[in-house]
PDB file of all heavy atoms in Angstrom:
ATOM      1  N   TYR A   1     -12.303  -8.201 -37.089  1.00  0.00           N
ATOM      2  CA  TYR A   1     -11.824  -7.487 -35.910  1.00  0.00           C
ATOM      3  C   TYR A   1     -13.026  -7.317 -34.978  1.00  0.00           C
ATOM      4  O   TYR A   1     -14.168  -7.488 -35.394  1.00  0.00           O
ATOM      5  CB  TYR A   1     -11.297  -6.115 -36.298  1.00  0.00           C
ATOM      6  CG  TYR A   1      -9.975  -6.132 -37.033  1.00  0.00           C
ATOM      7  CD1 TYR A   1      -9.897  -6.606 -38.350  1.00  0.00           C
ATOM      8  CD2 TYR A   1      -8.810  -5.670 -36.429  1.00  0.00           C
ATOM      9  CE1 TYR A   1      -8.694  -6.628 -39.028  1.00  0.00           C
ATOM     10  CE2 TYR A   1      -7.591  -5.685 -37.102  1.00  0.00           C
ATOM     11  CZ  TYR A   1      -7.551  -6.171 -38.399  1.00  0.00           C
ATOM     12  OH  TYR A   1      -6.360  -6.197 -39.065  1.00  0.00           O
ATOM     13  N   ARG A   2     -12.734  -6.961 -33.733  1.00  0.00           N
ATOM     14  CA  ARG A   2     -13.837  -6.703 -32.816  1.00  0.00           C
ATOM     15  C   ARG A   2     -13.468  -5.568 -31.879  1.00  0.00           C
ATOM     16  O   ARG A   2     -12.302  -5.308 -31.636  1.00  0.00           O
ATOM     17  CB  ARG A   2     -14.211  -7.958 -32.007  1.00  0.00           C
ATOM     18  CG  ARG A   2     -13.149  -8.427 -31.034  1.00  0.00           C
ATOM     19  CD  ARG A   2     -13.571  -9.758 -30.406  1.00  0.00           C
ATOM     20  NE  ARG A   2     -12.596 -10.243 -29.425  1.00  0.00           N
ATOM     21  CZ  ARG A   2     -12.654 -11.429 -28.841  1.00  0.00           C
ATOM     22  NH1 ARG A   2     -13.649 -12.267 -29.132  1.00  0.00           N
ATOM     23  NH2 ARG A   2     -11.737 -11.789 -27.975  1.00  0.00           N
ATOM     24  N   GLN A   3     -14.515  -4.931 -31.372  1.00  0.00           N
ATOM     25  CA  GLN A   3     -14.319  -3.824 -30.454  1.00  0.00           C
ATOM     26  C   GLN A   3     -15.408  -3.862 -29.388  1.00  0.00           C
ATOM     27  O   GLN A   3     -16.587  -3.767 -29.686  1.00  0.00           O
ATOM     28  CB  GLN A   3     -14.355  -2.492 -31.185  1.00  0.00           C
ATOM     29  CG  GLN A   3     -13.986  -1.307 -30.328  1.00  0.00           C
ATOM     30  CD  GLN A   3     -13.780  -0.046 -31.153  1.00  0.00           C
ATOM     31  OE1 GLN A   3     -14.217   0.058 -32.295  1.00  0.00           O
ATOM     32  NE2 GLN A   3     -13.078   0.923 -30.590  1.00  0.00           N
ATOM     33  N   ALA A   4     -14.947  -4.015 -28.153  1.00  0.00           N
ATOM     34  CA  ALA A   4     -15.853  -3.974 -27.022  1.00  0.00           C
ATOM     35  C   ALA A   4     -15.880  -2.538 -26.477  1.00  0.00           C
ATOM     36  O   ALA A   4     -14.947  -1.765 -26.722  1.00  0.00           O
ATOM     37  CB  ALA A   4     -15.384  -4.943 -25.927  1.00  0.00           C
ATOM     38  N   PRO A   5     -16.939  -2.163 -25.757  1.00  0.00           N
ATOM     39  CA  PRO A   5     -17.019  -0.800 -25.226  1.00  0.00           C
ATOM     40  C   PRO A   5     -15.800  -0.434 -24.385  1.00  0.00           C
ATOM     41  O   PRO A   5     -15.362  -1.218 -23.534  1.00  0.00           O
ATOM     42  CB  PRO A   5     -18.286  -0.848 -24.350  1.00  0.00           C
ATOM     43  CG  PRO A   5     -19.114  -1.918 -24.977  1.00  0.00           C
ATOM     44  CD  PRO A   5     -18.134  -2.941 -25.448  1.00  0.00           C
ATOM     45  N   GLY A   6     -15.236   0.739 -24.673  1.00  0.00           N
ATOM     46  CA  GLY A   6     -14.106   1.214 -23.904  1.00  0.00           C
ATOM     47  C   GLY A   6     -12.780   0.573 -24.251  1.00  0.00           C
ATOM     48  O   GLY A   6     -11.784   0.793 -23.545  1.00  0.00           O
ATOM     49  N   THR A   7     -12.745  -0.208 -25.317  1.00  0.00           N
ATOM     50  CA  THR A   7     -11.494  -0.860 -25.715  1.00  0.00           C
ATOM     51  C   THR A   7     -11.154  -0.505 -27.150  1.00  0.00           C
ATOM     52  O   THR A   7     -11.987   0.013 -27.904  1.00  0.00           O
ATOM     53  CB  THR A   7     -11.583  -2.393 -25.573  1.00  0.00           C
ATOM     54  OG1 THR A   7     -12.489  -2.897 -26.575  1.00  0.00           O
ATOM     55  CG2 THR A   7     -12.075  -2.788 -24.193  1.00  0.00           C
ATOM     56  N   GLN A   8      -9.919  -0.826 -27.534  1.00  0.00           N
ATOM     57  CA  GLN A   8      -9.508  -0.602 -28.912  1.00  0.00           C
ATOM     58  C   GLN A   8      -9.950  -1.772 -29.791  1.00  0.00           C
ATOM     59  O   GLN A   8     -10.123  -2.886 -29.295  1.00  0.00           O
ATOM     60  CB  GLN A   8      -7.981  -0.456 -28.984  1.00  0.00           C
ATOM     61  CG  GLN A   8      -7.451   0.826 -28.385  1.00  0.00           C
ATOM     62  CD  GLN A   8      -5.967   1.003 -28.644  1.00  0.00           C
ATOM     63  OE1 GLN A   8      -5.215   0.035 -28.735  1.00  0.00           O
ATOM     64  NE2 GLN A   8      -5.522   2.247 -28.764  1.00  0.00           N
ATOM     65  N   ARG A   9     -10.102  -1.474 -31.048  1.00  0.00           N
ATOM     66  CA  ARG A   9     -10.436  -2.537 -31.984  1.00  0.00           C
ATOM     67  C   ARG A   9      -9.255  -3.501 -32.078  1.00  0.00           C
ATOM     68  O   ARG A   9      -8.097  -3.079 -32.171  1.00  0.00           O
ATOM     69  CB  ARG A   9     -10.755  -1.949 -33.366  1.00  0.00           C
ATOM     70  CG  ARG A   9     -11.399  -2.898 -34.335  1.00  0.00           C
ATOM     71  CD  ARG A   9     -11.848  -2.191 -35.579  1.00  0.00           C
ATOM     72  NE  ARG A   9     -12.881  -1.177 -35.311  1.00  0.00           N
ATOM     73  CZ  ARG A   9     -13.558  -0.539 -36.259  1.00  0.00           C
ATOM     74  NH1 ARG A   9     -13.307  -0.771 -37.530  1.00  0.00           N
ATOM     75  NH2 ARG A   9     -14.457   0.366 -35.937  1.00  0.00           N
ATOM     76  N   GLU A  10      -9.560  -4.787 -32.052  1.00  0.00           N
ATOM     77  CA  GLU A  10      -8.500  -5.795 -32.068  1.00  0.00           C
ATOM     78  C   GLU A  10      -8.740  -6.835 -33.151  1.00  0.00           C
ATOM     79  O   GLU A  10      -9.882  -7.133 -33.492  1.00  0.00           O
ATOM     80  CB  GLU A  10      -8.401  -6.490 -30.706  1.00  0.00           C
ATOM     81  CG  GLU A  10      -9.634  -7.277 -30.306  1.00  0.00           C
ATOM     82  CD  GLU A  10      -9.468  -8.051 -29.018  1.00  0.00           C
ATOM     83  OE1 GLU A  10      -8.400  -7.960 -28.374  1.00  0.00           O
ATOM     84  OE2 GLU A  10     -10.401  -8.777 -28.642  1.00  0.00           O
ATOM     85  N   LEU A  11      -7.649  -7.377 -33.633  1.00  0.00           N
ATOM     86  CA  LEU A  11      -7.731  -8.433 -34.635  1.00  0.00           C
ATOM     87  C   LEU A  11      -8.254  -9.708 -33.992  1.00  0.00           C
ATOM     88  O   LEU A  11      -7.792 -10.119 -32.924  1.00  0.00           O
ATOM     89  CB  LEU A  11      -6.361  -8.693 -35.242  1.00  0.00           C
ATOM     90  CG  LEU A  11      -6.272  -9.879 -36.201  1.00  0.00           C
ATOM     91  CD1 LEU A  11      -7.057  -9.607 -37.473  1.00  0.00           C
ATOM     92  CD2 LEU A  11      -4.809 -10.179 -36.531  1.00  0.00           C
ATOM     93  N   VAL A  12      -9.185 -10.345 -34.669  1.00  0.00           N
ATOM     94  CA  VAL A  12      -9.696 -11.645 -34.233  1.00  0.00           C
ATOM     95  C   VAL A  12      -9.091 -12.743 -35.096  1.00  0.00           C
ATOM     96  O   VAL A  12      -8.508 -13.700 -34.594  1.00  0.00           O
ATOM     97  CB  VAL A  12     -11.236 -11.701 -34.327  1.00  0.00           C
ATOM     98  CG1 VAL A  12     -11.735 -13.106 -33.956  1.00  0.00           C
ATOM     99  CG2 VAL A  12     -11.855 -10.650 -33.425  1.00  0.00           C
ATOM    100  N   ALA A  13      -9.212 -12.584 -36.410  1.00  0.00           N
ATOM    101  CA  ALA A  13      -8.683 -13.585 -37.337  1.00  0.00           C
ATOM    102  C   ALA A  13      -8.541 -12.934 -38.703  1.00  0.00           C
ATOM    103  O   ALA A  13      -9.272 -12.000 -39.043  1.00  0.00           O
ATOM    104  CB  ALA A  13      -9.624 -14.790 -37.412  1.00  0.00           C
ATOM    105  N   ARG A  14      -7.592 -13.483 -39.490  1.00  0.00           N
ATOM    106  CA  ARG A  14      -7.406 -12.980 -40.834  1.00  0.00           C
ATOM    107  C   ARG A  14      -7.022 -14.146 -41.713  1.00  0.00           C
ATOM    108  O   ARG A  14      -6.465 -15.147 -41.242  1.00  0.00           O
ATOM    109  CB  ARG A  14      -6.343 -11.874 -40.892  1.00  0.00           C
ATOM    110  CG  ARG A  14      -4.964 -12.300 -40.455  1.00  0.00           C
ATOM    111  CD  ARG A  14      -4.058 -11.126 -40.113  1.00  0.00           C
ATOM    112  NE  ARG A  14      -3.754 -10.276 -41.243  1.00  0.00           N
ATOM    113  CZ  ARG A  14      -2.690 -10.450 -42.023  1.00  0.00           C
ATOM    114  NH1 ARG A  14      -1.854 -11.459 -41.796  1.00  0.00           N
ATOM    115  NH2 ARG A  14      -2.437  -9.611 -43.021  1.00  0.00           N
ATOM    116  N   ILE A  15      -7.314 -13.977 -43.004  1.00  0.00           N
ATOM    117  CA  ILE A  15      -7.001 -15.048 -43.952  1.00  0.00           C
ATOM    118  C   ILE A  15      -6.525 -14.435 -45.247  1.00  0.00           C
ATOM    119  O   ILE A  15      -7.108 -13.468 -45.751  1.00  0.00           O
ATOM    120  CB  ILE A  15      -8.235 -15.975 -44.167  1.00  0.00           C
ATOM    121  CG1 ILE A  15      -7.877 -17.163 -45.048  1.00  0.00           C
ATOM    122  CG2 ILE A  15      -9.421 -15.209 -44.736  1.00  0.00           C
ATOM    123  CD1 ILE A  15      -8.944 -18.263 -45.052  1.00  0.00           C
ATOM    124  N   THR A  16      -5.455 -14.984 -45.809  1.00  0.00           N
ATOM    125  CA  THR A  16      -4.898 -14.475 -47.042  1.00  0.00           C
ATOM    126  C   THR A  16      -5.567 -15.122 -48.252  1.00  0.00           C
ATOM    127  O   THR A  16      -6.334 -16.088 -48.127  1.00  0.00           O
ATOM    128  CB  THR A  16      -3.396 -14.731 -47.120  1.00  0.00           C
ATOM    129  OG1 THR A  16      -3.193 -16.158 -47.274  1.00  0.00           O
ATOM    130  CG2 THR A  16      -2.680 -14.257 -45.867  1.00  0.00           C
ATOM    131  N   GLY A  17      -5.240 -14.602 -49.408  1.00  0.00           N
ATOM    132  CA  GLY A  17      -5.755 -15.204 -50.632  1.00  0.00           C
ATOM    133  C   GLY A  17      -5.282 -16.624 -50.840  1.00  0.00           C
ATOM    134  O   GLY A  17      -5.947 -17.407 -51.524  1.00  0.00           O
ATOM    135  N   ASP A  18      -4.154 -16.977 -50.220  1.00  0.00           N
ATOM    136  CA  ASP A  18      -3.625 -18.329 -50.310  1.00  0.00           C
ATOM    137  C   ASP A  18      -4.244 -19.261 -49.280  1.00  0.00           C
ATOM    138  O   ASP A  18      -3.886 -20.438 -49.218  1.00  0.00           O
ATOM    139  CB  ASP A  18      -2.105 -18.321 -50.089  1.00  0.00           C
ATOM    140  CG  ASP A  18      -1.392 -17.557 -51.180  1.00  0.00           C
ATOM    141  OD1 ASP A  18      -1.922 -17.504 -52.301  1.00  0.00           O
ATOM    142  OD2 ASP A  18      -0.305 -16.997 -50.909  1.00  0.00           O
ATOM    143  N   GLY A  19      -5.134 -18.700 -48.455  1.00  0.00           N
ATOM    144  CA  GLY A  19      -5.796 -19.530 -47.462  1.00  0.00           C
ATOM    145  C   GLY A  19      -5.059 -19.664 -46.146  1.00  0.00           C
ATOM    146  O   GLY A  19      -5.453 -20.474 -45.304  1.00  0.00           O
ATOM    147  N   ILE A  20      -4.036 -18.859 -45.946  1.00  0.00           N
ATOM    148  CA  ILE A  20      -3.284 -18.895 -44.684  1.00  0.00           C
ATOM    149  C   ILE A  20      -4.032 -18.033 -43.671  1.00  0.00           C
ATOM    150  O   ILE A  20      -4.338 -16.877 -43.937  1.00  0.00           O
ATOM    151  CB  ILE A  20      -1.856 -18.382 -44.870  1.00  0.00           C
ATOM    152  CG1 ILE A  20      -1.122 -19.282 -45.867  1.00  0.00           C
ATOM    153  CG2 ILE A  20      -1.127 -18.324 -43.543  1.00  0.00           C
ATOM    154  CD1 ILE A  20       0.227 -18.771 -46.280  1.00  0.00           C
ATOM    155  N   SER A  21      -4.283 -18.603 -42.506  1.00  0.00           N
ATOM    156  CA  SER A  21      -5.058 -17.892 -41.491  1.00  0.00           C
ATOM    157  C   SER A  21      -4.253 -17.679 -40.229  1.00  0.00           C
ATOM    158  O   SER A  21      -3.330 -18.447 -39.908  1.00  0.00           O
ATOM    159  CB  SER A  21      -6.351 -18.660 -41.185  1.00  0.00           C
ATOM    160  OG  SER A  21      -6.045 -19.974 -40.763  1.00  0.00           O
ATOM    161  N   ASN A  22      -4.602 -16.603 -39.525  1.00  0.00           N
ATOM    162  CA  ASN A  22      -3.995 -16.291 -38.232  1.00  0.00           C
ATOM    163  C   ASN A  22      -5.104 -15.915 -37.271  1.00  0.00           C
ATOM    164  O   ASN A  22      -6.118 -15.339 -37.686  1.00  0.00           O
ATOM    165  CB  ASN A  22      -3.016 -15.119 -38.386  1.00  0.00           C
ATOM    166  CG  ASN A  22      -1.914 -15.387 -39.361  1.00  0.00           C
ATOM    167  OD1 ASN A  22      -1.983 -14.961 -40.510  1.00  0.00           O
ATOM    168  ND2 ASN A  22      -0.916 -16.104 -38.923  1.00  0.00           N
ATOM    169  N   TYR A  23      -4.871 -16.201 -36.008  1.00  0.00           N
ATOM    170  CA  TYR A  23      -5.895 -15.948 -34.989  1.00  0.00           C
ATOM    171  C   TYR A  23      -5.287 -15.247 -33.765  1.00  0.00           C
ATOM    172  O   TYR A  23      -4.121 -15.464 -33.421  1.00  0.00           O
ATOM    173  CB  TYR A  23      -6.517 -17.261 -34.520  1.00  0.00           C
ATOM    174  CG  TYR A  23      -7.250 -18.014 -35.607  1.00  0.00           C
ATOM    175  CD1 TYR A  23      -6.591 -18.930 -36.409  1.00  0.00           C
ATOM    176  CD2 TYR A  23      -8.605 -17.771 -35.847  1.00  0.00           C
ATOM    177  CE1 TYR A  23      -7.259 -19.611 -37.413  1.00  0.00           C
ATOM    178  CE2 TYR A  23      -9.279 -18.449 -36.850  1.00  0.00           C
ATOM    179  CZ  TYR A  23      -8.606 -19.354 -37.635  1.00  0.00           C
ATOM    180  OH  TYR A  23      -9.288 -20.023 -38.629  1.00  0.00           O
ATOM    181  N   ALA A  24      -6.119 -14.469 -33.114  1.00  0.00           N
ATOM    182  CA  ALA A  24      -5.735 -13.939 -31.804  1.00  0.00           C
ATOM    183  C   ALA A  24      -5.665 -15.127 -30.837  1.00  0.00           C
ATOM    184  O   ALA A  24      -6.436 -16.083 -30.941  1.00  0.00           O
ATOM    185  CB  ALA A  24      -6.766 -12.916 -31.328  1.00  0.00           C
ATOM    186  N   ASP A  25      -4.755 -15.029 -29.876  1.00  0.00           N
ATOM    187  CA  ASP A  25      -4.620 -16.123 -28.910  1.00  0.00           C
ATOM    188  C   ASP A  25      -5.917 -16.397 -28.164  1.00  0.00           C
ATOM    189  O   ASP A  25      -6.198 -17.545 -27.838  1.00  0.00           O
ATOM    190  CB  ASP A  25      -3.507 -15.773 -27.901  1.00  0.00           C
ATOM    191  CG  ASP A  25      -2.123 -15.856 -28.506  1.00  0.00           C
ATOM    192  OD1 ASP A  25      -1.974 -16.472 -29.591  1.00  0.00           O
ATOM    193  OD2 ASP A  25      -1.189 -15.279 -27.910  1.00  0.00           O
ATOM    194  N   SER A  26      -6.682 -15.348 -27.944  1.00  0.00           N
ATOM    195  CA  SER A  26      -7.895 -15.501 -27.153  1.00  0.00           C
ATOM    196  C   SER A  26      -8.983 -16.315 -27.847  1.00  0.00           C
ATOM    197  O   SER A  26      -9.941 -16.762 -27.203  1.00  0.00           O
ATOM    198  CB  SER A  26      -8.446 -14.114 -26.783  1.00  0.00           C
ATOM    199  OG  SER A  26      -8.739 -13.373 -27.959  1.00  0.00           O
ATOM    200  N   VAL A  27      -8.854 -16.495 -29.175  1.00  0.00           N
ATOM    201  CA  VAL A  27      -9.899 -17.220 -29.897  1.00  0.00           C
ATOM    202  C   VAL A  27      -9.401 -18.488 -30.576  1.00  0.00           C
ATOM    203  O   VAL A  27     -10.189 -19.213 -31.176  1.00  0.00           O
ATOM    204  CB  VAL A  27     -10.580 -16.317 -30.956  1.00  0.00           C
ATOM    205  CG1 VAL A  27     -11.099 -15.033 -30.308  1.00  0.00           C
ATOM    206  CG2 VAL A  27      -9.644 -16.004 -32.109  1.00  0.00           C
ATOM    207  N   LYS A  28      -8.103 -18.748 -30.479  1.00  0.00           N
ATOM    208  CA  LYS A  28      -7.545 -19.951 -31.105  1.00  0.00           C
ATOM    209  C   LYS A  28      -8.278 -21.179 -30.593  1.00  0.00           C
ATOM    210  O   LYS A  28      -8.584 -21.285 -29.405  1.00  0.00           O
ATOM    211  CB  LYS A  28      -6.058 -20.063 -30.799  1.00  0.00           C
ATOM    212  CG  LYS A  28      -5.184 -19.251 -31.721  1.00  0.00           C
ATOM    213  CD  LYS A  28      -3.687 -19.418 -31.356  1.00  0.00           C
ATOM    214  CE  LYS A  28      -2.840 -18.550 -32.265  1.00  0.00           C
ATOM    215  NZ  LYS A  28      -1.408 -18.649 -31.882  1.00  0.00           N
ATOM    216  N   ASP A  29      -8.505 -22.096 -31.485  1.00  0.00           N
ATOM    217  CA  ASP A  29      -9.186 -23.375 -31.183  1.00  0.00           C
ATOM    218  C   ASP A  29     -10.672 -23.205 -30.914  1.00  0.00           C
ATOM    219  O   ASP A  29     -11.358 -24.201 -30.643  1.00  0.00           O
ATOM    220  CB  ASP A  29      -8.532 -24.080 -29.984  1.00  0.00           C
ATOM    221  CG  ASP A  29      -7.059 -24.393 -30.224  1.00  0.00           C
ATOM    222  OD1 ASP A  29      -6.714 -24.711 -31.363  1.00  0.00           O
ATOM    223  OD2 ASP A  29      -6.287 -24.295 -29.264  1.00  0.00           O
ATOM    224  N   ARG A  30     -11.185 -21.980 -30.982  1.00  0.00           N
ATOM    225  CA  ARG A  30     -12.614 -21.761 -30.800  1.00  0.00           C
ATOM    226  C   ARG A  30     -13.252 -21.140 -32.057  1.00  0.00           C
ATOM    227  O   ARG A  30     -14.414 -21.433 -32.375  1.00  0.00           O
ATOM    228  CB  ARG A  30     -12.894 -20.848 -29.604  1.00  0.00           C
ATOM    229  CG  ARG A  30     -12.426 -21.406 -28.281  1.00  0.00           C
ATOM    230  CD  ARG A  30     -12.948 -20.553 -27.120  1.00  0.00           C
ATOM    231  NE  ARG A  30     -12.469 -19.187 -27.164  1.00  0.00           N
ATOM    232  CZ  ARG A  30     -13.273 -18.119 -27.194  1.00  0.00           C
ATOM    233  NH1 ARG A  30     -14.594 -18.279 -27.190  1.00  0.00           N
ATOM    234  NH2 ARG A  30     -12.767 -16.903 -27.204  1.00  0.00           N
ATOM    235  N   PHE A  31     -12.503 -20.289 -32.735  1.00  0.00           N
ATOM    236  CA  PHE A  31     -13.022 -19.586 -33.919  1.00  0.00           C
ATOM    237  C   PHE A  31     -12.309 -20.090 -35.159  1.00  0.00           C
ATOM    238  O   PHE A  31     -11.127 -20.448 -35.115  1.00  0.00           O
ATOM    239  CB  PHE A  31     -12.783 -18.085 -33.809  1.00  0.00           C
ATOM    240  CG  PHE A  31     -13.591 -17.367 -32.768  1.00  0.00           C
ATOM    241  CD1 PHE A  31     -14.347 -18.050 -31.801  1.00  0.00           C
ATOM    242  CD2 PHE A  31     -13.613 -15.978 -32.721  1.00  0.00           C
ATOM    243  CE1 PHE A  31     -15.091 -17.380 -30.845  1.00  0.00           C
ATOM    244  CE2 PHE A  31     -14.339 -15.297 -31.776  1.00  0.00           C
ATOM    245  CZ  PHE A  31     -15.077 -15.991 -30.838  1.00  0.00           C
ATOM    246  N   THR A  32     -13.037 -20.081 -36.273  1.00  0.00           N
ATOM    247  CA  THR A  32     -12.460 -20.465 -37.554  1.00  0.00           C
ATOM    248  C   THR A  32     -12.873 -19.458 -38.609  1.00  0.00           C
ATOM    249  O   THR A  32     -14.067 -19.170 -38.767  1.00  0.00           O
ATOM    250  CB  THR A  32     -12.931 -21.871 -37.984  1.00  0.00           C
ATOM    251  OG1 THR A  32     -12.573 -22.805 -36.961  1.00  0.00           O
ATOM    252  CG2 THR A  32     -12.264 -22.277 -39.288  1.00  0.00           C
ATOM    253  N   ILE A  33     -11.901 -18.960 -39.344  1.00  0.00           N
ATOM    254  CA  ILE A  33     -12.181 -18.061 -40.463  1.00  0.00           C
ATOM    255  C   ILE A  33     -12.026 -18.842 -41.758  1.00  0.00           C
ATOM    256  O   ILE A  33     -11.093 -19.644 -41.909  1.00  0.00           O
ATOM    257  CB  ILE A  33     -11.253 -16.826 -40.454  1.00  0.00           C
ATOM    258  CG1 ILE A  33     -11.650 -15.814 -41.516  1.00  0.00           C
ATOM    259  CG2 ILE A  33      -9.781 -17.218 -40.567  1.00  0.00           C
ATOM    260  CD1 ILE A  33     -10.915 -14.482 -41.405  1.00  0.00           C
ATOM    261  N   PHE A  34     -12.954 -18.652 -42.658  1.00  0.00           N
ATOM    262  CA  PHE A  34     -12.835 -19.300 -43.959  1.00  0.00           C
ATOM    263  C   PHE A  34     -13.533 -18.453 -45.009  1.00  0.00           C
ATOM    264  O   PHE A  34     -14.380 -17.612 -44.692  1.00  0.00           O
ATOM    265  CB  PHE A  34     -13.360 -20.743 -43.935  1.00  0.00           C
ATOM    266  CG  PHE A  34     -14.823 -20.889 -43.543  1.00  0.00           C
ATOM    267  CD1 PHE A  34     -15.801 -21.069 -44.515  1.00  0.00           C
ATOM    268  CD2 PHE A  34     -15.217 -20.871 -42.211  1.00  0.00           C
ATOM    269  CE1 PHE A  34     -17.115 -21.212 -44.175  1.00  0.00           C
ATOM    270  CE2 PHE A  34     -16.536 -21.026 -41.864  1.00  0.00           C
ATOM    271  CZ  PHE A  34     -17.504 -21.208 -42.843  1.00  0.00           C
ATOM    272  N   ARG A  35     -13.154 -18.702 -46.246  1.00  0.00           N
ATOM    273  CA  ARG A  35     -13.675 -17.886 -47.333  1.00  0.00           C
ATOM    274  C   ARG A  35     -14.285 -18.761 -48.405  1.00  0.00           C
ATOM    275  O   ARG A  35     -13.782 -19.840 -48.690  1.00  0.00           O
ATOM    276  CB  ARG A  35     -12.593 -16.974 -47.884  1.00  0.00           C
ATOM    277  CG  ARG A  35     -11.306 -17.679 -48.276  1.00  0.00           C
ATOM    278  CD  ARG A  35     -10.125 -16.694 -48.376  1.00  0.00           C
ATOM    279  NE  ARG A  35     -10.276 -15.747 -49.480  1.00  0.00           N
ATOM    280  CZ  ARG A  35      -9.532 -14.658 -49.633  1.00  0.00           C
ATOM    281  NH1 ARG A  35      -8.581 -14.375 -48.754  1.00  0.00           N
ATOM    282  NH2 ARG A  35      -9.707 -13.866 -50.656  1.00  0.00           N
ATOM    283  N   ASP A  36     -15.351 -18.265 -48.985  1.00  0.00           N
ATOM    284  CA  ASP A  36     -16.001 -18.908 -50.129  1.00  0.00           C
ATOM    285  C   ASP A  36     -15.854 -17.958 -51.303  1.00  0.00           C
ATOM    286  O   ASP A  36     -16.635 -17.009 -51.444  1.00  0.00           O
ATOM    287  CB  ASP A  36     -17.468 -19.200 -49.798  1.00  0.00           C
ATOM    288  CG  ASP A  36     -18.150 -19.994 -50.894  1.00  0.00           C
ATOM    289  OD1 ASP A  36     -17.713 -19.913 -52.064  1.00  0.00           O
ATOM    290  OD2 ASP A  36     -19.146 -20.676 -50.589  1.00  0.00           O
TER     291      ASP A  36
END
């Protein structure tokens, strides 16, 4: 998640134990979440 000054904390990306990931529209195609 991220929080800029004066704004609410927002989801950036999340990933489940099965490896399914979701992204905020603002970061799609630019950010990648992965787990080791």
